[in-house]
Amino acid sequence: MTPPRVIAMLPCGDIDEISAFFDVLGFAVTYRQVRPNPYVVVGGHGFELHYYGMPGHVPEASHSTCGVIVEDTGEIFEAFAAGLRAKYGRLPVAGFPRITRPRPRKNVGGVTGFSLVDPAGNWIRFFRDRAEPAEPGSPLRESMLNAIVLADSKGDVDQAAKILRGAIARAATGDDAMAEAQDFLGELDERRAGQSDAT
């Protein structure tokens, strides 16, 4: 007996916009129709994503998401990042589309993950298929892990930046997480600026 298969179907305002976006990331259209309803399937990197056209859909109102389990989040992130840099001249971290960097996720047992938010506002969440052993960390590292959950999983960039900024100010001199925390705070500030520009 063939095992069941689950297919996430994500909404978008324009299937051609979705096709063009995923082409940049190394996907190809494997199915497309416009009647009786717009529908497109893009395939690449060993999996497919299905999209249906929804009149009036706007990315800001999207609440749709799906998960993709991969062997190596770093490898697929780098492939996506190269395509995004080629298209946009930089890695988009705010607005639509955008991408987060692979980081351990405290809310899923330390499994490394990142999120790709497509032009339609759907969150495509990539997770490694196994967790790395967690090492005890300083208060700064713990605050950074909490900020990652808030920003990259919940989408609360303002609260993540507030927590991380306070933790950096309180951190002990020479904390081994300082450089990584400052880099992440810089990324959060860039995302916050991008959110302000979009409103």
C-alpha atoms as a PDB file:
ATOM      1  CA  MET A   1       0.000   0.000   0.000  1.00  0.00           C
ATOM      2  CA  THR A   2       1.305   3.433  -0.925  1.00  0.00           C
ATOM      3  CA  PRO A   3       1.724   5.631   2.164  1.00  0.00           C
ATOM      4  CA  PRO A   4      -0.428   8.772   2.343  1.00  0.00           C
ATOM      5  CA  ARG A   5       1.059  12.034   1.099  1.00  0.00           C
ATOM      6  CA  VAL A   6       0.193  15.470   2.428  1.00  0.00           C
ATOM      7  CA  ILE A   7       0.293  18.458   0.079  1.00  0.00           C
ATOM      8  CA  ALA A   8       0.192  21.955   1.525  1.00  0.00           C
ATOM      9  CA  MET A   9      -1.632  24.360  -0.789  1.00  0.00           C
ATOM     10  CA  LEU A  10      -0.622  27.967  -0.234  1.00  0.00           C
ATOM     11  CA  PRO A  11      -2.560  31.072  -1.320  1.00  0.00           C
ATOM     12  CA  CYS A  12      -1.199  33.802  -3.565  1.00  0.00           C
ATOM     13  CA  GLY A  13      -2.525  36.745  -5.520  1.00  0.00           C
ATOM     14  CA  ASP A  14      -0.625  35.901  -8.720  1.00  0.00           C
ATOM     15  CA  ILE A  15       0.673  32.459  -9.694  1.00  0.00           C
ATOM     16  CA  ASP A  16       3.055  33.982 -12.255  1.00  0.00           C
ATOM     17  CA  GLU A  17       4.709  36.111  -9.554  1.00  0.00           C
ATOM     18  CA  ILE A  18       5.190  32.948  -7.482  1.00  0.00           C
ATOM     19  CA  SER A  19       6.617  31.039 -10.470  1.00  0.00           C
ATOM     20  CA  ALA A  20       9.122  33.817 -11.221  1.00  0.00           C
ATOM     21  CA  PHE A  21      10.185  34.060  -7.576  1.00  0.00           C
ATOM     22  CA  PHE A  22      10.836  30.343  -7.210  1.00  0.00           C
ATOM     23  CA  ASP A  23      12.648  30.205 -10.562  1.00  0.00           C
ATOM     24  CA  VAL A  24      15.302  32.441  -8.960  1.00  0.00           C
ATOM     25  CA  LEU A  25      15.617  29.895  -6.123  1.00  0.00           C
ATOM     26  CA  GLY A  26      16.244  26.958  -8.458  1.00  0.00           C
ATOM     27  CA  PHE A  27      12.688  25.653  -8.860  1.00  0.00           C
ATOM     28  CA  ALA A  28      10.794  24.927 -12.076  1.00  0.00           C
ATOM     29  CA  VAL A  29       7.081  24.926 -12.810  1.00  0.00           C
ATOM     30  CA  THR A  30       5.884  21.308 -12.904  1.00  0.00           C
ATOM     31  CA  TYR A  31       2.170  22.094 -13.299  1.00  0.00           C
ATOM     32  CA  ARG A  32       0.211  25.234 -14.181  1.00  0.00           C
ATOM     33  CA  GLN A  33      -3.423  26.009 -14.899  1.00  0.00           C
ATOM     34  CA  VAL A  34      -5.472  29.195 -15.080  1.00  0.00           C
ATOM     35  CA  ARG A  35      -8.948  27.640 -15.461  1.00  0.00           C
ATOM     36  CA  PRO A  36     -11.159  26.828 -13.700  1.00  0.00           C
ATOM     37  CA  ASN A  37      -8.908  28.340 -11.036  1.00  0.00           C
ATOM     38  CA  PRO A  38      -5.290  29.579 -11.024  1.00  0.00           C
ATOM     39  CA  TYR A  39      -2.965  26.869  -9.686  1.00  0.00           C
ATOM     40  CA  VAL A  40       0.768  26.281  -9.967  1.00  0.00           C
ATOM     41  CA  VAL A  41       3.207  23.686  -8.669  1.00  0.00           C
ATOM     42  CA  VAL A  42       6.909  24.502  -8.417  1.00  0.00           C
ATOM     43  CA  GLY A  43       9.480  21.791  -7.826  1.00  0.00           C
ATOM     44  CA  GLY A  44      13.121  21.914  -6.876  1.00  0.00           C
ATOM     45  CA  HIS A  45      15.657  20.777  -4.282  1.00  0.00           C
ATOM     46  CA  GLY A  46      13.773  17.482  -3.922  1.00  0.00           C
ATOM     47  CA  PHE A  47      10.282  18.777  -3.070  1.00  0.00           C
ATOM     48  CA  GLU A  48       7.281  20.617  -4.504  1.00  0.00           C
ATOM     49  CA  LEU A  49       5.196  23.580  -3.362  1.00  0.00           C
ATOM     50  CA  HIS A  50       1.589  24.048  -4.493  1.00  0.00           C
ATOM     51  CA  TYR A  51      -0.064  27.477  -4.845  1.00  0.00           C
ATOM     52  CA  TYR A  52      -3.594  28.518  -5.677  1.00  0.00           C
ATOM     53  CA  GLY A  53      -4.605  31.954  -6.892  1.00  0.00           C
ATOM     54  CA  MET A  54      -6.859  33.851  -4.505  1.00  0.00           C
ATOM     55  CA  PRO A  55      -8.359  37.139  -5.701  1.00  0.00           C
ATOM     56  CA  GLY A  56      -7.625  39.991  -3.312  1.00  0.00           C
ATOM     57  CA  HIS A  57      -4.918  38.085  -1.427  1.00  0.00           C
ATOM     58  CA  VAL A  58      -2.343  40.425   0.140  1.00  0.00           C
ATOM     59  CA  PRO A  59       0.891  39.264   1.808  1.00  0.00           C
ATOM     60  CA  GLU A  60       0.343  41.384   4.923  1.00  0.00           C
ATOM     61  CA  ALA A  61      -2.827  39.410   5.726  1.00  0.00           C
ATOM     62  CA  SER A  62      -1.346  35.965   5.078  1.00  0.00           C
ATOM     63  CA  HIS A  63      -1.406  33.431   7.890  1.00  0.00           C
ATOM     64  CA  SER A  64      -0.385  30.381   5.854  1.00  0.00           C
ATOM     65  CA  THR A  65       2.686  28.281   6.540  1.00  0.00           C
ATOM     66  CA  CYS A  66       4.202  24.893   5.832  1.00  0.00           C
ATOM     67  CA  GLY A  67       7.234  22.972   7.051  1.00  0.00           C
ATOM     68  CA  VAL A  68       9.998  21.308   5.041  1.00  0.00           C
ATOM     69  CA  ILE A  69      12.337  18.844   6.766  1.00  0.00           C
ATOM     70  CA  VAL A  70      15.791  18.702   5.156  1.00  0.00           C
ATOM     71  CA  GLU A  71      19.073  16.985   5.915  1.00  0.00           C
ATOM     72  CA  ASP A  72      21.112  20.200   5.855  1.00  0.00           C
ATOM     73  CA  THR A  73      19.509  23.616   6.343  1.00  0.00           C
ATOM     74  CA  GLY A  74      22.810  25.337   5.583  1.00  0.00           C
ATOM     75  CA  GLU A  75      23.060  23.866   2.090  1.00  0.00           C
ATOM     76  CA  ILE A  76      19.537  24.809   1.008  1.00  0.00           C
ATOM     77  CA  PHE A  77      19.817  28.228   2.677  1.00  0.00           C
ATOM     78  CA  GLU A  78      23.007  28.983   0.711  1.00  0.00           C
ATOM     79  CA  ALA A  79      21.329  27.954  -2.552  1.00  0.00           C
ATOM     80  CA  PHE A  80      18.370  30.246  -1.813  1.00  0.00           C
ATOM     81  CA  ALA A  81      20.632  33.073  -0.627  1.00  0.00           C
ATOM     82  CA  ALA A  82      22.646  32.973  -3.869  1.00  0.00           C
ATOM     83  CA  GLY A  83      19.458  33.261  -5.935  1.00  0.00           C
ATOM     84  CA  LEU A  84      18.045  36.055  -3.775  1.00  0.00           C
ATOM     85  CA  ARG A  85      21.311  38.024  -3.916  1.00  0.00           C
ATOM     86  CA  ALA A  86      21.419  37.625  -7.692  1.00  0.00           C
ATOM     87  CA  LYS A  87      17.835  38.906  -7.996  1.00  0.00           C
ATOM     88  CA  TYR A  88      17.772  41.645  -5.332  1.00  0.00           C
ATOM     89  CA  GLY A  89      21.454  42.518  -4.943  1.00  0.00           C
ATOM     90  CA  ARG A  90      21.272  41.622  -1.242  1.00  0.00           C
ATOM     91  CA  LEU A  91      19.652  39.152   1.107  1.00  0.00           C
ATOM     92  CA  PRO A  92      16.116  40.456   1.810  1.00  0.00           C
ATOM     93  CA  VAL A  93      15.421  40.263   5.567  1.00  0.00           C
ATOM     94  CA  ALA A  94      12.352  42.537   5.700  1.00  0.00           C
ATOM     95  CA  GLY A  95       9.189  42.896   3.652  1.00  0.00           C
ATOM     96  CA  PHE A  96       8.014  40.399   1.034  1.00  0.00           C
ATOM     97  CA  PRO A  97       9.851  38.254   0.111  1.00  0.00           C
ATOM     98  CA  ARG A  98      12.366  37.730   2.906  1.00  0.00           C
ATOM     99  CA  ILE A  99      14.480  35.028   4.517  1.00  0.00           C
ATOM    100  CA  THR A 100      15.896  34.356   7.975  1.00  0.00           C
ATOM    101  CA  ARG A 101      19.256  32.709   8.592  1.00  0.00           C
ATOM    102  CA  PRO A 102      19.584  29.114   9.850  1.00  0.00           C
ATOM    103  CA  ARG A 103      19.748  29.134  13.634  1.00  0.00           C
ATOM    104  CA  PRO A 104      19.002  26.616  16.404  1.00  0.00           C
ATOM    105  CA  ARG A 105      15.347  26.931  17.448  1.00  0.00           C
ATOM    106  CA  LYS A 106      14.798  26.638  21.179  1.00  0.00           C
ATOM    107  CA  ASN A 107      11.084  26.013  20.621  1.00  0.00           C
ATOM    108  CA  VAL A 108      11.742  22.831  18.613  1.00  0.00           C
ATOM    109  CA  GLY A 109      14.381  21.190  20.769  1.00  0.00           C
ATOM    110  CA  GLY A 110      17.391  22.936  19.283  1.00  0.00           C
ATOM    111  CA  VAL A 111      16.719  21.847  15.698  1.00  0.00           C
ATOM    112  CA  THR A 112      18.328  24.276  13.254  1.00  0.00           C
ATOM    113  CA  GLY A 113      15.870  26.072  11.027  1.00  0.00           C
ATOM    114  CA  PHE A 114      15.164  29.102   8.882  1.00  0.00           C
ATOM    115  CA  SER A 115      12.110  30.649   7.263  1.00  0.00           C
ATOM    116  CA  LEU A 116      11.521  31.783   3.707  1.00  0.00           C
ATOM    117  CA  VAL A 117       8.612  34.205   3.409  1.00  0.00           C
ATOM    118  CA  ASP A 118       7.436  34.236  -0.200  1.00  0.00           C
ATOM    119  CA  PRO A 119       6.011  37.238  -2.121  1.00  0.00           C
ATOM    120  CA  ALA A 120       2.497  36.165  -1.043  1.00  0.00           C
ATOM    121  CA  GLY A 121       3.435  36.289   2.666  1.00  0.00           C
ATOM    122  CA  ASN A 122       3.453  32.518   3.250  1.00  0.00           C
ATOM    123  CA  TRP A 123       6.039  31.268   5.769  1.00  0.00           C
ATOM    124  CA  ILE A 124       7.906  28.224   4.429  1.00  0.00           C
ATOM    125  CA  ARG A 125       9.781  26.886   7.449  1.00  0.00           C
ATOM    126  CA  PHE A 126      12.844  24.694   6.899  1.00  0.00           C
ATOM    127  CA  PHE A 127      14.111  22.438   9.676  1.00  0.00           C
ATOM    128  CA  ARG A 128      16.991  20.049   9.921  1.00  0.00           C
ATOM    129  CA  ASP A 129      15.915  16.451  10.396  1.00  0.00           C
ATOM    130  CA  ARG A 130      17.760  16.127  13.713  1.00  0.00           C
ATOM    131  CA  ALA A 131      18.786  18.328  16.617  1.00  0.00           C
ATOM    132  CA  GLU A 132      22.347  19.193  17.516  1.00  0.00           C
ATOM    133  CA  PRO A 133      23.326  18.532  21.139  1.00  0.00           C
ATOM    134  CA  ALA A 134      22.738  21.715  23.116  1.00  0.00           C
ATOM    135  CA  GLU A 135      25.558  23.104  25.213  1.00  0.00           C
ATOM    136  CA  PRO A 136      24.855  25.187  28.302  1.00  0.00           C
ATOM    137  CA  GLY A 137      25.057  28.850  27.443  1.00  0.00           C
ATOM    138  CA  SER A 138      25.508  32.193  29.098  1.00  0.00           C
ATOM    139  CA  PRO A 139      22.519  34.413  29.913  1.00  0.00           C
ATOM    140  CA  LEU A 140      23.293  36.307  26.683  1.00  0.00           C
ATOM    141  CA  ARG A 141      23.164  33.099  24.611  1.00  0.00           C
ATOM    142  CA  GLU A 142      19.872  32.096  26.274  1.00  0.00           C
ATOM    143  CA  SER A 143      18.423  35.544  25.537  1.00  0.00           C
ATOM    144  CA  MET A 144      19.563  35.227  21.933  1.00  0.00           C
ATOM    145  CA  LEU A 145      17.831  31.837  21.628  1.00  0.00           C
ATOM    146  CA  ASN A 146      14.633  33.395  23.015  1.00  0.00           C
ATOM    147  CA  ALA A 147      14.962  36.298  20.562  1.00  0.00           C
ATOM    148  CA  ILE A 148      15.345  33.816  17.679  1.00  0.00           C
ATOM    149  CA  VAL A 149      12.046  32.162  18.626  1.00  0.00           C
ATOM    150  CA  LEU A 150      10.285  35.524  18.887  1.00  0.00           C
ATOM    151  CA  ALA A 151      11.647  36.923  15.615  1.00  0.00           C
ATOM    152  CA  ASP A 152      12.006  33.899  13.361  1.00  0.00           C
ATOM    153  CA  SER A 153       9.137  31.702  14.560  1.00  0.00           C
ATOM    154  CA  LYS A 154       6.576  34.152  15.918  1.00  0.00           C
ATOM    155  CA  GLY A 155       7.434  37.164  13.750  1.00  0.00           C
ATOM    156  CA  ASP A 156       7.685  39.545  16.745  1.00  0.00           C
ATOM    157  CA  VAL A 157      10.829  41.366  15.641  1.00  0.00           C
ATOM    158  CA  ASP A 158      10.296  44.377  17.935  1.00  0.00           C
ATOM    159  CA  GLN A 159      10.143  42.272  21.113  1.00  0.00           C
ATOM    160  CA  ALA A 160      13.089  40.142  19.984  1.00  0.00           C
ATOM    161  CA  ALA A 161      15.216  43.264  19.450  1.00  0.00           C
ATOM    162  CA  LYS A 162      14.181  44.666  22.838  1.00  0.00           C
ATOM    163  CA  ILE A 163      15.135  41.452  24.660  1.00  0.00           C
ATOM    164  CA  LEU A 164      18.435  41.091  22.822  1.00  0.00           C
ATOM    165  CA  ARG A 165      19.409  44.747  23.229  1.00  0.00           C
ATOM    166  CA  GLY A 166      18.887  44.482  27.004  1.00  0.00           C
ATOM    167  CA  ALA A 167      20.809  41.203  27.208  1.00  0.00           C
ATOM    168  CA  ILE A 168      23.760  42.686  25.304  1.00  0.00           C
ATOM    169  CA  ALA A 169      23.829  45.663  27.679  1.00  0.00           C
ATOM    170  CA  ARG A 170      23.892  43.320  30.708  1.00  0.00           C
ATOM    171  CA  ALA A 171      26.318  40.735  29.286  1.00  0.00           C
ATOM    172  CA  ALA A 172      29.620  39.997  30.937  1.00  0.00           C
ATOM    173  CA  THR A 173      32.743  41.336  29.277  1.00  0.00           C
ATOM    174  CA  GLY A 174      34.176  38.733  26.927  1.00  0.00           C
ATOM    175  CA  ASP A 175      30.956  36.696  26.608  1.00  0.00           C
ATOM    176  CA  ASP A 176      31.561  34.234  23.761  1.00  0.00           C
ATOM    177  CA  ALA A 177      28.062  34.880  22.363  1.00  0.00           C
ATOM    178  CA  MET A 178      28.593  38.649  22.024  1.00  0.00           C
ATOM    179  CA  ALA A 179      29.633  38.802  18.347  1.00  0.00           C
ATOM    180  CA  GLU A 180      26.810  36.484  17.261  1.00  0.00           C
ATOM    181  CA  ALA A 181      24.281  38.407  19.385  1.00  0.00           C
ATOM    182  CA  GLN A 182      25.404  41.752  17.947  1.00  0.00           C
ATOM    183  CA  ASP A 183      25.163  40.380  14.394  1.00  0.00           C
ATOM    184  CA  PHE A 184      21.643  39.109  15.070  1.00  0.00           C
ATOM    185  CA  LEU A 185      20.629  42.428  16.650  1.00  0.00           C
ATOM    186  CA  GLY A 186      21.902  44.231  13.529  1.00  0.00           C
ATOM    187  CA  GLU A 187      19.744  41.939  11.397  1.00  0.00           C
ATOM    188  CA  LEU A 188      16.736  42.560  13.668  1.00  0.00           C
ATOM    189  CA  ASP A 189      17.236  46.325  13.383  1.00  0.00           C
ATOM    190  CA  GLU A 190      17.384  45.993   9.588  1.00  0.00           C
ATOM    191  CA  ARG A 191      14.133  44.014   9.634  1.00  0.00           C
ATOM    192  CA  ARG A 192      12.499  46.631  11.876  1.00  0.00           C
ATOM    193  CA  ALA A 193      13.585  49.412   9.519  1.00  0.00           C
ATOM    194  CA  GLY A 194      12.169  47.434   6.591  1.00  0.00           C
ATOM    195  CA  GLN A 195       8.863  47.013   8.417  1.00  0.00           C
ATOM    196  CA  SER A 196       8.713  50.767   9.064  1.00  0.00           C
ATOM    197  CA  ASP A 197       9.434  51.537   5.400  1.00  0.00           C
ATOM    198  CA  ALA A 198       6.618  49.207   4.329  1.00  0.00           C
ATOM    199  CA  THR A 199       3.995  50.973   6.464  1.00  0.00           C
END
